[in-house]
Every structure is written in structure tokens, then in C-alpha cells.
PDB file of N, CA and C in Angstrom:
ATOM      1  N   MET A   1     151.337 -15.511 110.526  1.00  0.00           N
ATOM      2  CA  MET A   1     150.553 -15.757 111.802  1.00  0.00           C
ATOM      3  C   MET A   1     149.704 -16.993 111.861  1.00  0.00           C
ATOM      4  N   GLU A   2     148.731 -16.993 110.990  1.00  0.00           N
ATOM      5  CA  GLU A   2     147.735 -17.713 111.538  1.00  0.00           C
ATOM      6  C   GLU A   2     148.261 -19.515 111.522  1.00  0.00           C
ATOM      7  N   ARG A   3     149.681 -19.289 110.590  1.00  0.00           N
ATOM      8  CA  ARG A   3     149.802 -20.718 110.340  1.00  0.00           C
ATOM      9  C   ARG A   3     150.704 -21.140 111.591  1.00  0.00           C
ATOM     10  N   LYS A   4     151.651 -19.924 112.946  1.00  0.00           N
ATOM     11  CA  LYS A   4     152.046 -19.792 114.297  1.00  0.00           C
ATOM     12  C   LYS A   4     151.255 -20.749 114.529  1.00  0.00           C
ATOM     13  N   TRP A   5     149.783 -20.278 114.765  1.00  0.00           N
ATOM     14  CA  TRP A   5     148.758 -21.890 115.689  1.00  0.00           C
ATOM     15  C   TRP A   5     148.515 -22.580 114.941  1.00  0.00           C
ATOM     16  N   THR A   6     148.064 -22.757 113.797  1.00  0.00           N
ATOM     17  CA  THR A   6     148.129 -23.975 112.714  1.00  0.00           C
ATOM     18  C   THR A   6     148.682 -24.945 113.801  1.00  0.00           C
ATOM     19  N   HIS A   7     150.573 -24.502 113.802  1.00  0.00           N
ATOM     20  CA  HIS A   7     151.299 -25.654 114.060  1.00  0.00           C
ATOM     21  C   HIS A   7     151.308 -25.970 115.443  1.00  0.00           C
ATOM     22  N   MET A   8     150.924 -24.744 116.597  1.00  0.00           N
ATOM     23  CA  MET A   8     151.087 -25.067 117.468  1.00  0.00           C
ATOM     24  C   MET A   8     149.307 -26.173 118.394  1.00  0.00           C
ATOM     25  N   MET A   9     148.462 -25.345 117.235  1.00  0.00           N
ATOM     26  CA  MET A   9     147.421 -26.796 117.156  1.00  0.00           C
ATOM     27  C   MET A   9     147.559 -28.175 116.897  1.00  0.00           C
ATOM     28  N   PHE A  10     148.627 -28.395 116.360  1.00  0.00           N
ATOM     29  CA  PHE A  10     148.828 -29.527 116.268  1.00  0.00           C
ATOM     30  C   PHE A  10     150.293 -30.308 116.865  1.00  0.00           C
ATOM     31  N   ALA A  11     150.511 -29.333 117.873  1.00  0.00           N
ATOM     32  CA  ALA A  11     152.054 -30.160 118.604  1.00  0.00           C
ATOM     33  C   ALA A  11     150.830 -29.763 120.129  1.00  0.00           C
ATOM     34  N   VAL A  12     149.831 -29.366 120.121  1.00  0.00           N
ATOM     35  CA  VAL A  12     148.928 -29.528 121.342  1.00  0.00           C
ATOM     36  C   VAL A  12     148.306 -30.535 121.562  1.00  0.00           C
ATOM     37  N   ALA A  13     147.496 -30.970 119.968  1.00  0.00           N
ATOM     38  CA  ALA A  13     147.260 -32.191 119.410  1.00  0.00           C
ATOM     39  C   ALA A  13     147.588 -33.443 120.033  1.00  0.00           C
ATOM     40  N   GLY A  14     148.777 -32.972 119.763  1.00  0.00           N
ATOM     41  CA  GLY A  14     149.594 -33.834 119.856  1.00  0.00           C
ATOM     42  C   GLY A  14     150.309 -34.241 121.357  1.00  0.00           C
ATOM     43  N   VAL A  15     150.336 -33.360 122.586  1.00  0.00           N
ATOM     44  CA  VAL A  15     150.544 -33.831 123.302  1.00  0.00           C
ATOM     45  C   VAL A  15     149.389 -33.877 124.324  1.00  0.00           C
ATOM     46  N   LEU A  16     147.936 -33.605 124.095  1.00  0.00           N
ATOM     47  CA  LEU A  16     146.729 -34.417 124.447  1.00  0.00           C
ATOM     48  C   LEU A  16     146.417 -36.047 124.352  1.00  0.00           C
ATOM     49  N   ALA A  17     146.865 -35.856 123.100  1.00  0.00           N
ATOM     50  CA  ALA A  17     147.163 -37.512 122.809  1.00  0.00           C
ATOM     51  C   ALA A  17     147.819 -38.517 123.597  1.00  0.00           C
ATOM     52  N   ALA A  18     149.005 -37.914 123.556  1.00  0.00           N
ATOM     53  CA  ALA A  18     149.766 -38.923 124.370  1.00  0.00           C
ATOM     54  C   ALA A  18     149.552 -38.810 125.774  1.00  0.00           C
ATOM     55  N   TRP A  19     148.694 -37.920 126.335  1.00  0.00           N
ATOM     56  CA  TRP A  19     148.329 -37.582 127.962  1.00  0.00           C
ATOM     57  C   TRP A  19     147.053 -38.866 127.232  1.00  0.00           C
ATOM     58  N   ILE A  20     146.178 -38.992 126.888  1.00  0.00           N
ATOM     59  CA  ILE A  20     144.958 -39.238 126.960  1.00  0.00           C
ATOM     60  C   ILE A  20     145.750 -41.062 126.176  1.00  0.00           C
ATOM     61  N   LEU A  21     146.215 -41.729 125.195  1.00  0.00           N
ATOM     62  CA  LEU A  21     147.220 -42.605 125.180  1.00  0.00           C
ATOM     63  C   LEU A  21     147.814 -43.343 126.750  1.00  0.00           C
ATOM     64  N   TYR A  22     148.355 -42.346 127.107  1.00  0.00           N
ATOM     65  CA  TYR A  22     148.742 -43.064 128.371  1.00  0.00           C
ATOM     66  C   TYR A  22     147.484 -43.082 129.431  1.00  0.00           C
ATOM     67  N   LEU A  23     147.167 -42.688 129.811  1.00  0.00           N
ATOM     68  CA  LEU A  23     145.669 -42.577 131.073  1.00  0.00           C
ATOM     69  C   LEU A  23     145.099 -44.443 130.339  1.00  0.00           C
ATOM     70  N   ALA A  24     144.484 -44.290 129.309  1.00  0.00           N
ATOM     71  CA  ALA A  24     144.361 -45.285 128.577  1.00  0.00           C
ATOM     72  C   ALA A  24     145.151 -46.458 128.707  1.00  0.00           C
ATOM     73  N   GLY A  25     146.565 -46.299 128.059  1.00  0.00           N
ATOM     74  CA  GLY A  25     147.211 -48.156 128.287  1.00  0.00           C
ATOM     75  C   GLY A  25     148.059 -48.007 129.584  1.00  0.00           C
ATOM     76  N   ASP A  26     147.113 -47.196 130.484  1.00  0.00           N
ATOM     77  CA  ASP A  26     148.157 -47.012 132.275  1.00  0.00           C
ATOM     78  C   ASP A  26     146.402 -48.247 132.818  1.00  0.00           C
ATOM     79  N   TRP A  27     145.483 -47.316 132.473  1.00  0.00           N
ATOM     80  CA  TRP A  27     144.535 -48.394 132.381  1.00  0.00           C
ATOM     81  C   TRP A  27     144.196 -49.387 132.272  1.00  0.00           C
ATOM     82  N   ILE A  28     144.332 -50.008 130.827  1.00  0.00           N
ATOM     83  CA  ILE A  28     143.944 -51.017 130.059  1.00  0.00           C
ATOM     84  C   ILE A  28     144.643 -52.492 130.877  1.00  0.00           C
ATOM     85  N   TRP A  29     146.575 -51.719 130.882  1.00  0.00           N
ATOM     86  CA  TRP A  29     146.724 -52.724 131.507  1.00  0.00           C
ATOM     87  C   TRP A  29     146.969 -53.346 132.978  1.00  0.00           C
ATOM     88  N   GLY A  30     146.457 -52.252 133.379  1.00  0.00           N
ATOM     89  CA  GLY A  30     145.749 -52.157 134.937  1.00  0.00           C
ATOM     90  C   GLY A  30     144.926 -53.829 135.544  1.00  0.00           C
ATOM     91  N   PHE A  31     144.220 -54.282 134.235  1.00  0.00           N
ATOM     92  CA  PHE A  31     143.240 -54.893 134.584  1.00  0.00           C
ATOM     93  C   PHE A  31     144.743 -56.603 134.660  1.00  0.00           C
ATOM     94  N   TRP A  32     145.538 -56.033 133.935  1.00  0.00           N
ATOM     95  CA  TRP A  32     146.223 -57.917 133.724  1.00  0.00           C
ATOM     96  C   TRP A  32     147.570 -57.633 135.431  1.00  0.00           C
ATOM     97  N   GLY A  33     147.544 -55.727 136.123  1.00  0.00           N
ATOM     98  CA  GLY A  33     148.823 -56.734 137.086  1.00  0.00           C
ATOM     99  C   GLY A  33     149.357 -54.870 136.552  1.00  0.00           C
ATOM    100  N   ARG A  34     149.871 -54.861 137.312  1.00  0.00           N
ATOM    101  CA  ARG A  34     150.643 -53.373 138.174  1.00  0.00           C
ATOM    102  C   ARG A  34     151.513 -53.261 136.423  1.00  0.00           C
ATOM    103  N   PRO A  35     151.378 -51.694 135.214  1.00  0.00           N
ATOM    104  CA  PRO A  35     151.514 -51.497 134.473  1.00  0.00           C
ATOM    105  C   PRO A  35     153.066 -51.064 134.518  1.00  0.00           C
ATOM    106  N   ASP A  36     154.230 -51.053 133.503  1.00  0.00           N
ATOM    107  CA  ASP A  36     155.185 -50.072 133.700  1.00  0.00           C
ATOM    108  C   ASP A  36     155.423 -49.142 132.975  1.00  0.00           C
ATOM    109  N   SER A  37     155.452 -48.474 134.184  1.00  0.00           N
ATOM    110  CA  SER A  37     155.223 -46.998 133.307  1.00  0.00           C
ATOM    111  C   SER A  37     156.348 -46.159 132.058  1.00  0.00           C
ATOM    112  N   ARG A  38     157.273 -46.461 132.286  1.00  0.00           N
ATOM    113  CA  ARG A  38     158.280 -46.876 130.916  1.00  0.00           C
ATOM    114  C   ARG A  38     157.421 -47.226 129.498  1.00  0.00           C
ATOM    115  N   VAL A  39     156.693 -48.305 129.832  1.00  0.00           N
ATOM    116  CA  VAL A  39     156.676 -49.203 128.444  1.00  0.00           C
ATOM    117  C   VAL A  39     155.107 -48.270 128.017  1.00  0.00           C
ATOM    118  N   VAL A  40     154.715 -48.164 128.710  1.00  0.00           N
ATOM    119  CA  VAL A  40     152.891 -47.209 128.869  1.00  0.00           C
ATOM    120  C   VAL A  40     153.366 -45.558 128.024  1.00  0.00           C
ATOM    121  N   THR A  41     154.398 -44.797 129.011  1.00  0.00           N
ATOM    122  CA  THR A  41     154.184 -43.854 128.039  1.00  0.00           C
ATOM    123  C   THR A  41     155.374 -43.302 127.070  1.00  0.00           C
ATOM    124  N   THR A  42     156.216 -45.131 126.977  1.00  0.00           N
ATOM    125  CA  THR A  42     157.091 -44.978 125.310  1.00  0.00           C
ATOM    126  C   THR A  42     156.187 -44.684 124.184  1.00  0.00           C
ATOM    127  N   GLY A  43     154.848 -45.568 124.330  1.00  0.00           N
ATOM    128  CA  GLY A  43     154.250 -46.307 123.540  1.00  0.00           C
ATOM    129  C   GLY A  43     152.896 -45.165 123.665  1.00  0.00           C
ATOM    130  N   ALA A  44     152.841 -44.372 124.546  1.00  0.00           N
ATOM    131  CA  ALA A  44     151.810 -43.156 124.676  1.00  0.00           C
ATOM    132  C   ALA A  44     152.194 -42.518 123.675  1.00  0.00           C
ATOM    133  N   LEU A  45     153.452 -42.301 123.394  1.00  0.00           N
ATOM    134  CA  LEU A  45     154.778 -40.845 123.075  1.00  0.00           C
ATOM    135  C   LEU A  45     154.438 -41.244 121.432  1.00  0.00           C
ATOM    136  N   LEU A  46     155.063 -42.510 121.365  1.00  0.00           N
ATOM    137  CA  LEU A  46     155.219 -43.359 120.093  1.00  0.00           C
ATOM    138  C   LEU A  46     154.149 -43.318 119.057  1.00  0.00           C
ATOM    139  N   MET A  47     153.056 -43.548 119.784  1.00  0.00           N
ATOM    140  CA  MET A  47     151.368 -43.734 118.983  1.00  0.00           C
ATOM    141  C   MET A  47     151.320 -42.259 118.141  1.00  0.00           C
ATOM    142  N   ALA A  48     151.382 -41.129 119.871  1.00  0.00           N
ATOM    143  CA  ALA A  48     150.654 -40.108 119.090  1.00  0.00           C
ATOM    144  C   ALA A  48     151.571 -38.862 118.824  1.00  0.00           C
ATOM    145  N   GLY A  49     153.074 -39.004 118.883  1.00  0.00           N
ATOM    146  CA  GLY A  49     154.007 -38.752 117.794  1.00  0.00           C
ATOM    147  C   GLY A  49     153.626 -38.985 116.154  1.00  0.00           C
ATOM    148  N   THR A  50     153.353 -39.850 116.293  1.00  0.00           N
ATOM    149  CA  THR A  50     153.412 -40.493 115.104  1.00  0.00           C
ATOM    150  C   THR A  50     151.958 -39.800 114.015  1.00  0.00           C
ATOM    151  N   ALA A  51     150.719 -40.457 114.926  1.00  0.00           N
ATOM    152  CA  ALA A  51     149.353 -39.670 114.436  1.00  0.00           C
ATOM    153  C   ALA A  51     150.078 -38.210 114.552  1.00  0.00           C
ATOM    154  N   ALA A  52     150.169 -37.542 115.558  1.00  0.00           N
ATOM    155  CA  ALA A  52     150.384 -35.892 114.863  1.00  0.00           C
ATOM    156  C   ALA A  52     151.357 -35.700 113.851  1.00  0.00           C
ATOM    157  N   VAL A  53     152.199 -36.745 113.329  1.00  0.00           N
ATOM    158  CA  VAL A  53     153.033 -36.155 112.656  1.00  0.00           C
ATOM    159  C   VAL A  53     152.216 -36.283 110.953  1.00  0.00           C
ATOM    160  N   ILE A  54     151.601 -37.476 110.555  1.00  0.00           N
ATOM    161  CA  ILE A  54     150.895 -37.757 109.884  1.00  0.00           C
ATOM    162  C   ILE A  54     149.756 -36.640 109.729  1.00  0.00           C
ATOM    163  N   ALA A  55     148.970 -36.422 110.235  1.00  0.00           N
ATOM    164  CA  ALA A  55     147.913 -34.995 110.752  1.00  0.00           C
ATOM    165  C   ALA A  55     148.633 -34.483 110.167  1.00  0.00           C
ATOM    166  N   TRP A  56     149.655 -33.802 110.728  1.00  0.00           N
ATOM    167  CA  TRP A  56     150.008 -32.178 110.455  1.00  0.00           C
ATOM    168  C   TRP A  56     151.258 -32.642 108.998  1.00  0.00           C
ATOM    169  N   ARG A  57     151.081 -33.713 108.300  1.00  0.00           N
ATOM    170  CA  ARG A  57     152.302 -33.965 106.827  1.00  0.00           C
ATOM    171  C   ARG A  57     150.453 -33.867 105.802  1.00  0.00           C
ATOM    172  N   ASN A  58     149.626 -34.477 106.399  1.00  0.00           N
ATOM    173  CA  ASN A  58     148.584 -34.295 105.339  1.00  0.00           C
ATOM    174  C   ASN A  58     148.029 -33.325 105.078  1.00  0.00           C
ATOM    175  N   GLN A  59     147.882 -32.985 104.079  1.00  0.00           N
ATOM    176  CA  GLN A  59     147.543 -30.943 103.286  1.00  0.00           C
ATOM    177  C   GLN A  59     146.205 -31.062 103.399  1.00  0.00           C
ATOM    178  N   GLN A  60     145.199 -31.846 103.024  1.00  0.00           N
ATOM    179  CA  GLN A  60     144.081 -31.155 103.413  1.00  0.00           C
ATOM    180  C   GLN A  60     144.038 -30.536 104.754  1.00  0.00           C
ATOM    181  N   LEU A  61     143.995 -31.542 105.662  1.00  0.00           N
ATOM    182  CA  LEU A  61     144.206 -31.765 107.070  1.00  0.00           C
ATOM    183  C   LEU A  61     144.584 -30.145 107.592  1.00  0.00           C
ATOM    184  N   PHE A  62     146.052 -30.270 106.893  1.00  0.00           N
ATOM    185  CA  PHE A  62     146.650 -28.933 107.105  1.00  0.00           C
ATOM    186  C   PHE A  62     145.965 -27.672 106.571  1.00  0.00           C
ATOM    187  N   THR A  63     145.259 -27.708 105.397  1.00  0.00           N
ATOM    188  CA  THR A  63     144.616 -26.241 105.528  1.00  0.00           C
ATOM    189  C   THR A  63     143.326 -26.543 105.735  1.00  0.00           C
ATOM    190  N   LEU A  64     142.769 -26.968 105.795  1.00  0.00           N
ATOM    191  CA  LEU A  64     142.233 -27.214 107.339  1.00  0.00           C
ATOM    192  C   LEU A  64     142.056 -26.346 108.085  1.00  0.00           C
ATOM    193  N   ALA A  65     142.529 -26.994 109.268  1.00  0.00           N
ATOM    194  CA  ALA A  65     143.489 -26.266 110.500  1.00  0.00           C
ATOM    195  C   ALA A  65     143.267 -25.212 110.400  1.00  0.00           C
ATOM    196  N   SER A  66     144.470 -24.615 109.153  1.00  0.00           N
ATOM    197  CA  SER A  66     145.132 -22.994 108.611  1.00  0.00           C
ATOM    198  C   SER A  66     143.199 -21.977 108.541  1.00  0.00           C
ATOM    199  N   GLU A  67     142.627 -22.695 107.772  1.00  0.00           N
ATOM    200  CA  GLU A  67     141.702 -22.120 107.689  1.00  0.00           C
ATOM    201  C   GLU A  67     140.465 -21.995 109.028  1.00  0.00           C
ATOM    202  N   VAL A  68     140.227 -22.649 109.721  1.00  0.00           N
ATOM    203  CA  VAL A  68     139.937 -22.733 111.024  1.00  0.00           C
ATOM    204  C   VAL A  68     140.725 -22.067 112.070  1.00  0.00           C
ATOM    205  N   THR A  69     142.124 -21.359 111.506  1.00  0.00           N
ATOM    206  CA  THR A  69     142.656 -20.772 112.551  1.00  0.00           C
ATOM    207  C   THR A  69     142.072 -19.021 112.161  1.00  0.00           C
ATOM    208  N   THR A  70     141.964 -19.012 110.736  1.00  0.00           N
ATOM    209  CA  THR A  70     142.039 -17.676 110.634  1.00  0.00           C
ATOM    210  C   THR A  70     140.658 -16.814 110.012  1.00  0.00           C
ATOM    211  N   GLU A  71     139.687 -18.047 110.805  1.00  0.00           N
ATOM    212  CA  GLU A  71     138.295 -17.337 110.854  1.00  0.00           C
ATOM    213  C   GLU A  71     137.958 -17.392 112.439  1.00  0.00           C
ATOM    214  N   LEU A  72     139.225 -17.957 113.289  1.00  0.00           N
ATOM    215  CA  LEU A  72     138.594 -17.506 114.622  1.00  0.00           C
ATOM    216  C   LEU A  72     139.940 -16.540 115.109  1.00  0.00           C
ATOM    217  N   SER A  73     140.621 -16.443 113.886  1.00  0.00           N
ATOM    218  CA  SER A  73     141.302 -14.628 114.408  1.00  0.00           C
ATOM    219  C   SER A  73     140.133 -13.282 113.946  1.00  0.00           C
ATOM    220  N   LYS A  74     138.755 -13.865 113.358  1.00  0.00           N
ATOM    221  CA  LYS A  74     138.211 -12.927 113.590  1.00  0.00           C
ATOM    222  C   LYS A  74     137.151 -13.155 114.068  1.00  0.00           C
ATOM    223  N   VAL A  75     136.914 -13.715 115.134  1.00  0.00           N
ATOM    224  CA  VAL A  75     135.714 -13.949 115.840  1.00  0.00           C
ATOM    225  C   VAL A  75     136.130 -12.475 116.703  1.00  0.00           C
ATOM    226  N   THR A  76     135.323 -11.532 117.478  1.00  0.00           N
ATOM    227  CA  THR A  76     134.885 -11.106 118.652  1.00  0.00           C
ATOM    228  C   THR A  76     134.243 -11.387 119.868  1.00  0.00           C
ATOM    229  N   TRP A  77     135.710 -11.525 121.302  1.00  0.00           N
ATOM    230  CA  TRP A  77     135.278 -11.898 122.335  1.00  0.00           C
ATOM    231  C   TRP A  77     134.076 -10.624 122.853  1.00  0.00           C
ATOM    232  N   PRO A  78     132.707 -11.278 123.438  1.00  0.00           N
ATOM    233  CA  PRO A  78     132.605  -9.893 124.546  1.00  0.00           C
ATOM    234  C   PRO A  78     133.336  -9.777 125.418  1.00  0.00           C
ATOM    235  N   THR A  79     132.753  -8.416 126.030  1.00  0.00           N
ATOM    236  CA  THR A  79     133.572  -7.746 126.696  1.00  0.00           C
ATOM    237  C   THR A  79     133.130  -8.447 128.860  1.00  0.00           C
ATOM    238  N   ARG A  80     133.434  -8.472 129.480  1.00  0.00           N
ATOM    239  CA  ARG A  80     133.384  -8.988 130.673  1.00  0.00           C
ATOM    240  C   ARG A  80     132.315  -8.252 131.385  1.00  0.00           C
ATOM    241  N   GLN A  81     131.851  -6.599 131.061  1.00  0.00           N
ATOM    242  CA  GLN A  81     130.988  -6.575 130.689  1.00  0.00           C
ATOM    243  C   GLN A  81     129.134  -7.023 130.470  1.00  0.00           C
ATOM    244  N   GLU A  82     129.277  -7.593 128.446  1.00  0.00           N
ATOM    245  CA  GLU A  82     128.314  -8.188 128.132  1.00  0.00           C
ATOM    246  C   GLU A  82     128.399  -9.590 128.674  1.00  0.00           C
ATOM    247  N   THR A  83     129.321 -10.344 129.401  1.00  0.00           N
ATOM    248  CA  THR A  83     129.264 -11.703 129.765  1.00  0.00           C
ATOM    249  C   THR A  83     129.011 -11.610 131.038  1.00  0.00           C
ATOM    250  N   PHE A  84     129.095 -10.641 132.306  1.00  0.00           N
ATOM    251  CA  PHE A  84     128.289 -10.101 133.207  1.00  0.00           C
ATOM    252  C   PHE A  84     126.796  -9.819 133.479  1.00  0.00           C
ATOM    253  N   HIS A  85     126.471  -9.285 131.688  1.00  0.00           N
ATOM    254  CA  HIS A  85     124.615  -8.848 131.656  1.00  0.00           C
ATOM    255  C   HIS A  85     123.687  -9.710 131.248  1.00  0.00           C
ATOM    256  N   ALA A  86     124.721 -10.632 130.563  1.00  0.00           N
ATOM    257  CA  ALA A  86     124.197 -12.095 129.634  1.00  0.00           C
ATOM    258  C   ALA A  86     123.942 -13.501 130.942  1.00  0.00           C
ATOM    259  N   THR A  87     124.815 -13.448 131.893  1.00  0.00           N
ATOM    260  CA  THR A  87     124.270 -14.147 132.413  1.00  0.00           C
ATOM    261  C   THR A  87     123.283 -13.464 133.689  1.00  0.00           C
ATOM    262  N   VAL A  88     123.245 -12.605 134.477  1.00  0.00           N
ATOM    263  CA  VAL A  88     122.442 -12.334 135.445  1.00  0.00           C
ATOM    264  C   VAL A  88     120.619 -11.635 134.026  1.00  0.00           C
ATOM    265  N   VAL A  89     120.735 -12.157 133.084  1.00  0.00           N
ATOM    266  CA  VAL A  89     120.010 -12.428 132.346  1.00  0.00           C
ATOM    267  C   VAL A  89     119.435 -13.874 131.934  1.00  0.00           C
ATOM    268  N   VAL A  90     120.343 -14.874 131.691  1.00  0.00           N
ATOM    269  CA  VAL A  90     120.304 -16.255 132.576  1.00  0.00           C
ATOM    270  C   VAL A  90     119.892 -16.666 134.162  1.00  0.00           C
ATOM    271  N   ILE A  91     120.519 -15.849 135.256  1.00  0.00           N
ATOM    272  CA  ILE A  91     120.173 -15.923 136.044  1.00  0.00           C
ATOM    273  C   ILE A  91     118.291 -15.852 136.498  1.00  0.00           C
ATOM    274  N   VAL A  92     118.257 -14.903 136.279  1.00  0.00           N
ATOM    275  CA  VAL A  92     116.726 -14.176 136.408  1.00  0.00           C
ATOM    276  C   VAL A  92     115.766 -14.658 135.332  1.00  0.00           C
ATOM    277  N   THR A  93     115.989 -15.295 134.293  1.00  0.00           N
ATOM    278  CA  THR A  93     115.095 -15.858 133.796  1.00  0.00           C
ATOM    279  C   THR A  93     114.819 -17.450 133.892  1.00  0.00           C
ATOM    280  N   THR A  94     116.184 -18.020 134.828  1.00  0.00           N
ATOM    281  CA  THR A  94     115.997 -19.338 135.103  1.00  0.00           C
ATOM    282  C   THR A  94     114.882 -18.942 136.911  1.00  0.00           C
ATOM    283  N   VAL A  95     115.887 -18.274 137.383  1.00  0.00           N
ATOM    284  CA  VAL A  95     114.256 -18.341 138.645  1.00  0.00           C
ATOM    285  C   VAL A  95     112.783 -17.868 138.255  1.00  0.00           C
ATOM    286  N   ILE A  96     112.378 -17.180 136.676  1.00  0.00           N
ATOM    287  CA  ILE A  96     111.352 -16.817 136.787  1.00  0.00           C
ATOM    288  C   ILE A  96     110.664 -17.968 135.851  1.00  0.00           C
ATOM    289  N   ALA A  97     111.331 -18.953 135.756  1.00  0.00           N
ATOM    290  CA  ALA A  97     110.912 -20.242 134.760  1.00  0.00           C
ATOM    291  C   ALA A  97     110.656 -21.237 136.194  1.00  0.00           C
ATOM    292  N   ALA A  98     111.825 -20.843 136.955  1.00  0.00           N
ATOM    293  CA  ALA A  98     111.520 -22.175 138.367  1.00  0.00           C
ATOM    294  C   ALA A  98     110.370 -21.912 138.849  1.00  0.00           C
ATOM    295  N   ALA A  99     109.887 -20.433 139.292  1.00  0.00           N
ATOM    296  CA  ALA A  99     108.527 -19.806 140.069  1.00  0.00           C
ATOM    297  C   ALA A  99     107.033 -20.269 139.332  1.00  0.00           C
ATOM    298  N   LEU A 100     107.450 -19.933 138.049  1.00  0.00           N
ATOM    299  CA  LEU A 100     105.928 -20.560 137.259  1.00  0.00           C
ATOM    300  C   LEU A 100     106.000 -22.002 137.434  1.00  0.00           C
ATOM    301  N   LEU A 101     107.377 -22.585 136.977  1.00  0.00           N
ATOM    302  CA  LEU A 101     106.625 -24.014 137.175  1.00  0.00           C
ATOM    303  C   LEU A 101     106.460 -24.373 138.947  1.00  0.00           C
ATOM    304  N   GLY A 102     106.934 -24.254 139.445  1.00  0.00           N
ATOM    305  CA  GLY A 102     106.288 -24.335 141.078  1.00  0.00           C
ATOM    306  C   GLY A 102     105.258 -24.304 141.259  1.00  0.00           C
ATOM    307  N   ILE A 103     104.785 -22.987 140.454  1.00  0.00           N
ATOM    308  CA  ILE A 103     103.384 -22.795 141.058  1.00  0.00           C
ATOM    309  C   ILE A 103     102.938 -23.577 140.034  1.00  0.00           C
ATOM    310  N   PHE A 104     102.621 -23.519 138.935  1.00  0.00           N
ATOM    311  CA  PHE A 104     102.058 -24.598 138.500  1.00  0.00           C
ATOM    312  C   PHE A 104     101.917 -26.228 139.049  1.00  0.00           C
ATOM    313  N   ASP A 105     102.994 -26.765 139.475  1.00  0.00           N
ATOM    314  CA  ASP A 105     103.298 -27.719 140.317  1.00  0.00           C
ATOM    315  C   ASP A 105     102.791 -27.754 141.319  1.00  0.00           C
ATOM    316  N   GLY A 106     102.595 -27.017 141.955  1.00  0.00           N
ATOM    317  CA  GLY A 106     101.454 -26.859 143.452  1.00  0.00           C
ATOM    318  C   GLY A 106     100.229 -26.630 142.749  1.00  0.00           C
ATOM    319  N   THR A 107      99.679 -25.880 141.820  1.00  0.00           N
ATOM    320  CA  THR A 107      98.403 -26.340 141.560  1.00  0.00           C
ATOM    321  C   THR A 107      97.834 -26.826 141.102  1.00  0.00           C
ATOM    322  N   TRP A 108      98.595 -28.015 139.885  1.00  0.00           N
ATOM    323  CA  TRP A 108      97.956 -29.388 139.264  1.00  0.00           C
ATOM    324  C   TRP A 108      97.873 -30.498 140.828  1.00  0.00           C
ATOM    325  N   ALA A 109      99.093 -30.038 141.610  1.00  0.00           N
ATOM    326  CA  ALA A 109      99.202 -31.062 142.961  1.00  0.00           C
ATOM    327  C   ALA A 109      97.418 -30.943 144.204  1.00  0.00           C
ATOM    328  N   TRP A 110      97.723 -29.604 143.944  1.00  0.00           N
ATOM    329  CA  TRP A 110      96.385 -29.391 144.770  1.00  0.00           C
ATOM    330  C   TRP A 110      95.168 -29.808 143.926  1.00  0.00           C
ATOM    331  N   VAL A 111      94.901 -29.949 142.985  1.00  0.00           N
ATOM    332  CA  VAL A 111      94.037 -30.316 141.414  1.00  0.00           C
ATOM    333  C   VAL A 111      93.508 -31.509 141.435  1.00  0.00           C
ATOM    334  N   THR A 112      94.532 -32.420 141.804  1.00  0.00           N
ATOM    335  CA  THR A 112      94.237 -33.511 141.537  1.00  0.00           C
ATOM    336  C   THR A 112      94.421 -34.284 143.084  1.00  0.00           C
ATOM    337  N   GLY A 113      94.420 -33.187 143.943  1.00  0.00           N
ATOM    338  CA  GLY A 113      94.726 -34.091 145.460  1.00  0.00           C
ATOM    339  C   GLY A 113      93.242 -33.944 145.815  1.00  0.00           C
ATOM    340  N   GLN A 114      92.197 -32.458 144.931  1.00  0.00           N
ATOM    341  CA  GLN A 114      91.140 -32.799 144.729  1.00  0.00           C
ATOM    342  C   GLN A 114      90.259 -34.016 144.548  1.00  0.00           C
ATOM    343  N   ILE A 115      90.986 -33.854 143.402  1.00  0.00           N
ATOM    344  CA  ILE A 115      89.927 -34.833 142.156  1.00  0.00           C
ATOM    345  C   ILE A 115      89.972 -36.467 143.511  1.00  0.00           C
ATOM    346  N   PHE A 116      91.617 -36.726 143.817  1.00  0.00           N
ATOM    347  CA  PHE A 116      91.692 -38.001 144.154  1.00  0.00           C
ATOM    348  C   PHE A 116      91.031 -37.857 145.512  1.00  0.00           C
ATOM    349  N   LYS A 117      91.615 -37.325 146.394  1.00  0.00           N
ATOM    350  CA  LYS A 117      90.993 -37.059 147.868  1.00  0.00           C
ATOM    351  C   LYS A 117      92.148 -37.604 148.342  1.00  0.00           C
ATOM    352  N   VAL A 118      93.027 -37.040 147.867  1.00  0.00           N
ATOM    353  CA  VAL A 118      94.682 -37.582 148.939  1.00  0.00           C
ATOM    354  C   VAL A 118      94.355 -37.299 150.221  1.00  0.00           C
ATOM    355  N   HIS A 119      94.665 -38.089 151.586  1.00  0.00           N
ATOM    356  CA  HIS A 119      94.562 -37.014 152.697  1.00  0.00           C
ATOM    357  C   HIS A 119      96.286 -37.576 153.087  1.00  0.00           C
TER     358      HIS A 119
END
């Protein structure tokens, strides 16, 4: 089961690399004129495909990726309710911190105003 996800991970990485290489090639070529889309696309697909196949055939890298997918299958993700409660805690903590910092800033501004008699 995990091997299926490992193969999928290499395929998705190849597609993502092709997209990034296409954008980079289009951007770089754009400095010298209007890029030929077919050439940029073909180059991006060839480079990304070659890199993906080389990475996929690398036994050390494939084993590492398999171990990562195995470990990710053991992760327990928070429920919607746990995520909601954690979000509320973060928002309340942020509001309290902002209020305390605002009070400190106002007090400090008043104190420095009294010291330097700023009008």
C-alpha cells in the first residue's frame, strides 16, 4: 500500500518540477524575446522527466521516500473540533498579547512624554 503512495509522490514531484522548469524557462527566455512555448515545454518535460526517473531508480532515495510514506500513515490528524478549539486558543492568546502590548506601549509613550515634555 505504501509503495503506491511512494510512486505517486515521485510522479507528483516530476509534474511539479516540469511546471516550475516551464515557468523558469519562460521567464528566462522572456528577457531576450518572446519564448517559443513548444521548446520551453519540451525542455521542461524532458528535464523533469529525466530527473524524476533518475530519482525513482535511486534505491536509497526510494527507500527513504517509502519510509516517509510509512511514517505519514501513522500520523493521527486532529478532528475538526480539535482544530476549531486550537484556533480559538490562538486567537484569544493573540488578542490578550496585543492588549498587553498596547497598554505597555501607551504607558511607555506617556512616561517618555512626561520625561521629555513633548507637546
